[in-house]
Amino acid sequence: MHILIVEDERALCDTIARSLRRLAYSVDCCYDGQSAAEMLAVERFDLVVLDLNLPGEDGMTVLRTLRERDRDTKVLILSARCEVADKVAGSMRARTTISPSPFTSMSSRRASAA
């Protein structure tokens, strides 16, 4: 399985990629929306793990562009941006799953506990 991770927090992106590679997945990383759009235009992925809050093109723009030419690639939106409108807009696109970022939730709990 060929996976693209699109996440602007490099340490988080690299950690997820390293974990998936240990499980024998082929993984590429992008750290901004423009790079992701360029990679998706020339390369086929089985899964895209997509953050919504990206520099340059945001994740919803990347998803919209991908869906215009490819409705089959599975997309997992992993983001702290979980407003209802984002969930609805994202889930309207075929083969898209939205999951709140567990990393952000842990950070929020730590901050509120302090």
N, C-alpha and C. Protein backbone atom coordinates (compact mmCIF):
# COMPACT_ATOMS: atom_id res chain seq x y z
N MET A 1 0.85 -1.18 0.00
CA MET A 1 0.00 0.00 0.00
C MET A 1 0.89 1.24 0.00
N HIS A 2 0.55 2.17 -0.87
CA HIS A 2 1.31 3.41 -1.02
C HIS A 2 0.51 4.54 -0.35
N ILE A 3 1.12 5.20 0.64
CA ILE A 3 0.44 6.20 1.46
C ILE A 3 1.14 7.55 1.33
N LEU A 4 0.34 8.60 1.22
CA LEU A 4 0.85 9.97 1.26
C LEU A 4 0.36 10.61 2.54
N ILE A 5 1.29 11.14 3.33
CA ILE A 5 0.94 11.88 4.54
C ILE A 5 1.17 13.36 4.25
N VAL A 6 0.12 14.16 4.47
CA VAL A 6 0.20 15.60 4.25
C VAL A 6 -0.04 16.28 5.60
N GLU A 7 1.03 16.76 6.20
CA GLU A 7 0.99 17.33 7.55
C GLU A 7 2.10 18.36 7.65
N ASP A 8 1.76 19.59 8.06
CA ASP A 8 2.77 20.64 8.12
C ASP A 8 3.66 20.57 9.35
N GLU A 9 3.26 19.85 10.37
CA GLU A 9 4.13 19.66 11.53
C GLU A 9 5.08 18.50 11.21
N ARG A 10 6.31 18.86 10.84
CA ARG A 10 7.27 17.87 10.33
C ARG A 10 7.52 16.72 11.30
N ALA A 11 7.67 17.03 12.57
CA ALA A 11 7.96 15.97 13.54
C ALA A 11 6.82 14.96 13.60
N LEU A 12 5.60 15.45 13.61
CA LEU A 12 4.43 14.57 13.63
C LEU A 12 4.35 13.75 12.34
N CYS A 13 4.52 14.41 11.21
CA CYS A 13 4.48 13.72 9.91
C CYS A 13 5.54 12.62 9.85
N ASP A 14 6.75 12.96 10.25
CA ASP A 14 7.84 11.99 10.18
C ASP A 14 7.63 10.83 11.15
N THR A 15 7.04 11.10 12.30
CA THR A 15 6.75 10.03 13.26
C THR A 15 5.71 9.06 12.71
N ILE A 16 4.65 9.59 12.13
CA ILE A 16 3.63 8.73 11.53
C ILE A 16 4.23 7.92 10.38
N ALA A 17 5.03 8.58 9.54
CA ALA A 17 5.65 7.89 8.40
C ALA A 17 6.57 6.77 8.88
N ARG A 18 7.38 7.04 9.89
CA ARG A 18 8.31 6.03 10.42
C ARG A 18 7.54 4.82 10.94
N SER A 19 6.44 5.07 11.65
CA SER A 19 5.63 3.97 12.18
C SER A 19 5.02 3.13 11.07
N LEU A 20 4.52 3.79 10.03
CA LEU A 20 3.93 3.05 8.91
C LEU A 20 4.99 2.28 8.12
N ARG A 21 6.17 2.86 7.98
CA ARG A 21 7.25 2.15 7.27
C ARG A 21 7.67 0.90 8.03
N ARG A 22 7.66 0.96 9.35
CA ARG A 22 7.98 -0.23 10.15
C ARG A 22 6.98 -1.36 9.90
N LEU A 23 5.77 -0.99 9.48
CA LEU A 23 4.74 -1.97 9.15
C LEU A 23 4.78 -2.35 7.67
N ALA A 24 5.83 -1.94 6.99
CA ALA A 24 6.11 -2.29 5.59
C ALA A 24 5.25 -1.55 4.57
N TYR A 25 4.71 -0.39 4.94
CA TYR A 25 4.00 0.44 3.98
C TYR A 25 4.98 1.35 3.25
N SER A 26 4.67 1.66 2.02
CA SER A 26 5.42 2.64 1.26
C SER A 26 4.82 4.01 1.57
N VAL A 27 5.64 4.94 2.08
CA VAL A 27 5.12 6.22 2.57
C VAL A 27 5.90 7.39 1.99
N ASP A 28 5.16 8.39 1.51
CA ASP A 28 5.74 9.67 1.11
C ASP A 28 5.14 10.74 2.00
N CYS A 29 5.89 11.83 2.19
CA CYS A 29 5.42 12.94 3.03
C CYS A 29 5.44 14.25 2.27
N CYS A 30 4.45 15.09 2.56
CA CYS A 30 4.40 16.48 2.09
C CYS A 30 4.11 17.34 3.30
N TYR A 31 4.65 18.54 3.30
CA TYR A 31 4.49 19.42 4.45
C TYR A 31 3.66 20.66 4.14
N ASP A 32 3.10 20.74 2.93
CA ASP A 32 2.24 21.87 2.57
C ASP A 32 1.27 21.44 1.47
N GLY A 33 0.23 22.23 1.30
CA GLY A 33 -0.82 21.87 0.34
C GLY A 33 -0.37 21.89 -1.10
N GLN A 34 0.45 22.85 -1.47
CA GLN A 34 0.92 22.95 -2.86
C GLN A 34 1.72 21.71 -3.25
N SER A 35 2.64 21.28 -2.40
CA SER A 35 3.44 20.07 -2.68
C SER A 35 2.54 18.84 -2.78
N ALA A 36 1.54 18.77 -1.91
CA ALA A 36 0.61 17.64 -1.95
C ALA A 36 -0.15 17.61 -3.27
N ALA A 37 -0.66 18.77 -3.69
CA ALA A 37 -1.40 18.84 -4.95
C ALA A 37 -0.53 18.41 -6.12
N GLU A 38 0.74 18.84 -6.11
CA GLU A 38 1.66 18.47 -7.19
C GLU A 38 1.93 16.97 -7.19
N MET A 39 2.15 16.38 -6.01
CA MET A 39 2.40 14.93 -5.94
C MET A 39 1.18 14.13 -6.37
N LEU A 40 0.00 14.57 -5.94
CA LEU A 40 -1.23 13.86 -6.28
C LEU A 40 -1.56 13.96 -7.77
N ALA A 41 -1.04 14.97 -8.43
CA ALA A 41 -1.28 15.13 -9.87
C ALA A 41 -0.46 14.15 -10.70
N VAL A 42 0.66 13.68 -10.16
CA VAL A 42 1.55 12.82 -10.96
C VAL A 42 1.72 11.41 -10.42
N GLU A 43 1.26 11.18 -9.19
CA GLU A 43 1.50 9.87 -8.58
C GLU A 43 0.20 9.33 -7.99
N ARG A 44 0.05 8.02 -8.00
CA ARG A 44 -1.15 7.35 -7.48
C ARG A 44 -0.87 6.83 -6.08
N PHE A 45 -1.79 7.10 -5.16
CA PHE A 45 -1.68 6.63 -3.77
C PHE A 45 -2.92 5.82 -3.43
N ASP A 46 -2.75 4.85 -2.54
CA ASP A 46 -3.88 4.06 -2.06
C ASP A 46 -4.61 4.79 -0.94
N LEU A 47 -3.85 5.60 -0.19
CA LEU A 47 -4.41 6.32 0.96
C LEU A 47 -3.68 7.65 1.10
N VAL A 48 -4.45 8.70 1.41
CA VAL A 48 -3.88 10.00 1.73
C VAL A 48 -4.32 10.35 3.14
N VAL A 49 -3.36 10.59 4.03
CA VAL A 49 -3.63 11.08 5.38
C VAL A 49 -3.44 12.59 5.29
N LEU A 50 -4.52 13.34 5.49
CA LEU A 50 -4.54 14.76 5.15
C LEU A 50 -4.92 15.64 6.33
N ASP A 51 -4.02 16.57 6.65
CA ASP A 51 -4.34 17.61 7.62
C ASP A 51 -5.09 18.72 6.88
N LEU A 52 -5.98 19.43 7.56
CA LEU A 52 -6.72 20.51 6.90
C LEU A 52 -6.00 21.85 7.00
N ASN A 53 -5.29 22.07 8.09
CA ASN A 53 -4.62 23.35 8.32
C ASN A 53 -3.21 23.29 7.76
N LEU A 54 -3.08 23.63 6.49
CA LEU A 54 -1.79 23.56 5.80
C LEU A 54 -1.39 24.94 5.29
N PRO A 55 -0.09 25.20 5.22
CA PRO A 55 0.34 26.44 4.57
C PRO A 55 0.11 26.35 3.06
N GLY A 56 -0.09 27.48 2.43
CA GLY A 56 -0.38 27.48 0.99
C GLY A 56 -1.80 27.01 0.78
N GLU A 57 -2.00 26.02 -0.07
CA GLU A 57 -3.34 25.44 -0.26
C GLU A 57 -3.75 24.71 1.01
N ASP A 58 -4.97 24.95 1.47
CA ASP A 58 -5.42 24.23 2.65
C ASP A 58 -5.86 22.81 2.27
N GLY A 59 -6.07 21.98 3.28
CA GLY A 59 -6.40 20.59 3.04
C GLY A 59 -7.70 20.37 2.28
N MET A 60 -8.71 21.22 2.51
CA MET A 60 -9.97 21.07 1.79
C MET A 60 -9.78 21.35 0.30
N THR A 61 -8.92 22.30 -0.04
CA THR A 61 -8.62 22.58 -1.45
C THR A 61 -7.90 21.40 -2.08
N VAL A 62 -6.95 20.82 -1.35
CA VAL A 62 -6.24 19.62 -1.84
C VAL A 62 -7.24 18.50 -2.07
N LEU A 63 -8.15 18.28 -1.12
CA LEU A 63 -9.15 17.23 -1.26
C LEU A 63 -10.08 17.48 -2.45
N ARG A 64 -10.54 18.70 -2.58
CA ARG A 64 -11.44 19.05 -3.69
C ARG A 64 -10.76 18.78 -5.03
N THR A 65 -9.50 19.19 -5.15
CA THR A 65 -8.74 18.99 -6.39
C THR A 65 -8.55 17.50 -6.67
N LEU A 66 -8.22 16.73 -5.64
CA LEU A 66 -8.06 15.29 -5.80
C LEU A 66 -9.37 14.66 -6.27
N ARG A 67 -10.49 15.02 -5.66
CA ARG A 67 -11.77 14.41 -5.99
C ARG A 67 -12.26 14.78 -7.39
N GLU A 68 -11.79 15.89 -7.93
CA GLU A 68 -12.18 16.26 -9.29
C GLU A 68 -11.65 15.26 -10.31
N ARG A 69 -10.53 14.63 -10.02
CA ARG A 69 -9.96 13.70 -10.99
C ARG A 69 -9.85 12.27 -10.47
N ASP A 70 -10.07 12.05 -9.18
CA ASP A 70 -9.92 10.72 -8.60
C ASP A 70 -10.88 10.58 -7.43
N ARG A 71 -11.90 9.76 -7.62
CA ARG A 71 -12.89 9.55 -6.55
C ARG A 71 -12.63 8.26 -5.78
N ASP A 72 -11.58 7.52 -6.16
CA ASP A 72 -11.34 6.22 -5.55
C ASP A 72 -10.29 6.21 -4.44
N THR A 73 -9.35 7.12 -4.48
CA THR A 73 -8.31 7.15 -3.46
C THR A 73 -8.95 7.42 -2.10
N LYS A 74 -8.63 6.58 -1.13
CA LYS A 74 -9.15 6.77 0.22
C LYS A 74 -8.41 7.93 0.87
N VAL A 75 -9.15 8.74 1.63
CA VAL A 75 -8.57 9.90 2.32
C VAL A 75 -8.99 9.85 3.77
N LEU A 76 -8.01 9.98 4.65
CA LEU A 76 -8.26 10.09 6.09
C LEU A 76 -7.87 11.51 6.48
N ILE A 77 -8.85 12.30 6.88
CA ILE A 77 -8.57 13.66 7.35
C ILE A 77 -8.29 13.56 8.84
N LEU A 78 -7.09 13.92 9.20
CA LEU A 78 -6.65 13.87 10.59
C LEU A 78 -6.31 15.30 10.98
N SER A 79 -7.23 15.95 11.70
CA SER A 79 -7.06 17.39 11.91
C SER A 79 -7.68 17.83 13.21
N ALA A 80 -7.12 18.88 13.77
CA ALA A 80 -7.69 19.50 14.96
C ALA A 80 -8.89 20.37 14.58
N ARG A 81 -9.05 20.66 13.30
CA ARG A 81 -10.14 21.52 12.81
C ARG A 81 -11.38 20.66 12.63
N CYS A 82 -12.24 20.62 13.62
CA CYS A 82 -13.38 19.69 13.60
C CYS A 82 -14.72 20.40 13.66
N GLU A 83 -14.81 21.59 13.09
CA GLU A 83 -16.09 22.27 13.07
C GLU A 83 -17.08 21.45 12.24
N VAL A 84 -18.33 21.60 12.53
CA VAL A 84 -19.37 20.85 11.84
C VAL A 84 -19.30 21.06 10.33
N ALA A 85 -19.09 22.28 9.88
CA ALA A 85 -19.03 22.56 8.44
C ALA A 85 -17.90 21.78 7.78
N ASP A 86 -16.76 21.69 8.45
CA ASP A 86 -15.64 20.94 7.89
C ASP A 86 -15.98 19.46 7.80
N LYS A 87 -16.63 18.92 8.82
CA LYS A 87 -17.00 17.51 8.79
C LYS A 87 -17.98 17.23 7.67
N VAL A 88 -18.97 18.08 7.54
CA VAL A 88 -19.97 17.87 6.50
C VAL A 88 -19.34 18.01 5.12
N ALA A 89 -18.57 19.08 4.92
CA ALA A 89 -17.94 19.30 3.62
C ALA A 89 -17.00 18.16 3.26
N GLY A 90 -16.23 17.70 4.21
CA GLY A 90 -15.29 16.62 3.95
C GLY A 90 -15.99 15.29 3.71
N SER A 91 -17.01 14.99 4.49
CA SER A 91 -17.67 13.70 4.36
C SER A 91 -18.51 13.60 3.09
N MET A 92 -18.81 14.71 2.46
CA MET A 92 -19.56 14.70 1.21
C MET A 92 -18.71 14.16 0.06
N ARG A 93 -17.42 14.09 0.25
CA ARG A 93 -16.53 13.62 -0.79
C ARG A 93 -16.31 12.11 -0.60
N ALA A 94 -16.46 11.35 -1.67
CA ALA A 94 -16.40 9.89 -1.61
C ALA A 94 -15.11 9.39 -0.98
N ARG A 95 -15.23 8.28 -0.25
CA ARG A 95 -14.10 7.58 0.35
C ARG A 95 -13.24 8.48 1.23
N THR A 96 -13.89 9.32 2.02
CA THR A 96 -13.21 10.24 2.90
C THR A 96 -13.66 9.98 4.33
N THR A 97 -12.70 9.86 5.24
CA THR A 97 -12.99 9.67 6.65
C THR A 97 -12.38 10.82 7.42
N ILE A 98 -13.12 11.36 8.39
CA ILE A 98 -12.61 12.45 9.20
C ILE A 98 -12.42 11.95 10.61
N SER A 99 -11.24 12.20 11.16
CA SER A 99 -10.93 11.80 12.51
C SER A 99 -10.25 12.96 13.22
N PRO A 100 -10.73 13.34 14.41
CA PRO A 100 -10.04 14.40 15.13
C PRO A 100 -8.64 13.93 15.50
N SER A 101 -7.70 14.85 15.44
CA SER A 101 -6.32 14.50 15.73
C SER A 101 -6.16 14.10 17.20
N PRO A 102 -5.69 12.89 17.47
CA PRO A 102 -5.49 12.49 18.87
C PRO A 102 -4.35 13.28 19.50
N PHE A 103 -3.45 13.78 18.70
CA PHE A 103 -2.31 14.53 19.22
C PHE A 103 -2.77 15.88 19.73
N THR A 104 -3.69 16.51 19.05
CA THR A 104 -4.22 17.79 19.49
C THR A 104 -5.05 17.60 20.75
N SER A 105 -5.83 16.55 20.82
CA SER A 105 -6.65 16.28 22.00
C SER A 105 -5.76 16.09 23.22
N MET A 106 -4.66 15.37 23.06
CA MET A 106 -3.75 15.16 24.19
C MET A 106 -3.14 16.49 24.61
N SER A 107 -2.76 17.32 23.66
CA SER A 107 -2.18 18.62 23.98
C SER A 107 -3.19 19.49 24.71
N SER A 108 -4.45 19.45 24.28
CA SER A 108 -5.50 20.25 24.92
C SER A 108 -5.73 19.80 26.35
N ARG A 109 -5.74 18.49 26.56
CA ARG A 109 -5.94 17.99 27.93
C ARG A 109 -4.80 18.39 28.83
N ARG A 110 -3.55 18.31 28.32
CA ARG A 110 -2.40 18.71 29.12
C ARG A 110 -2.48 20.19 29.47
N ALA A 111 -2.86 21.02 28.51
CA ALA A 111 -2.92 22.46 28.71
C ALA A 111 -4.00 22.81 29.74
N SER A 112 -5.16 22.13 29.68
CA SER A 112 -6.24 22.45 30.61
C SER A 112 -5.94 21.92 32.01
N ALA A 113 -5.08 20.89 32.11
CA ALA A 113 -4.74 20.33 33.41
C ALA A 113 -3.71 21.20 34.13
N ALA A 114 -3.00 22.02 33.39
CA ALA A 114 -1.92 22.84 33.98
C ALA A 114 -2.48 24.03 34.73
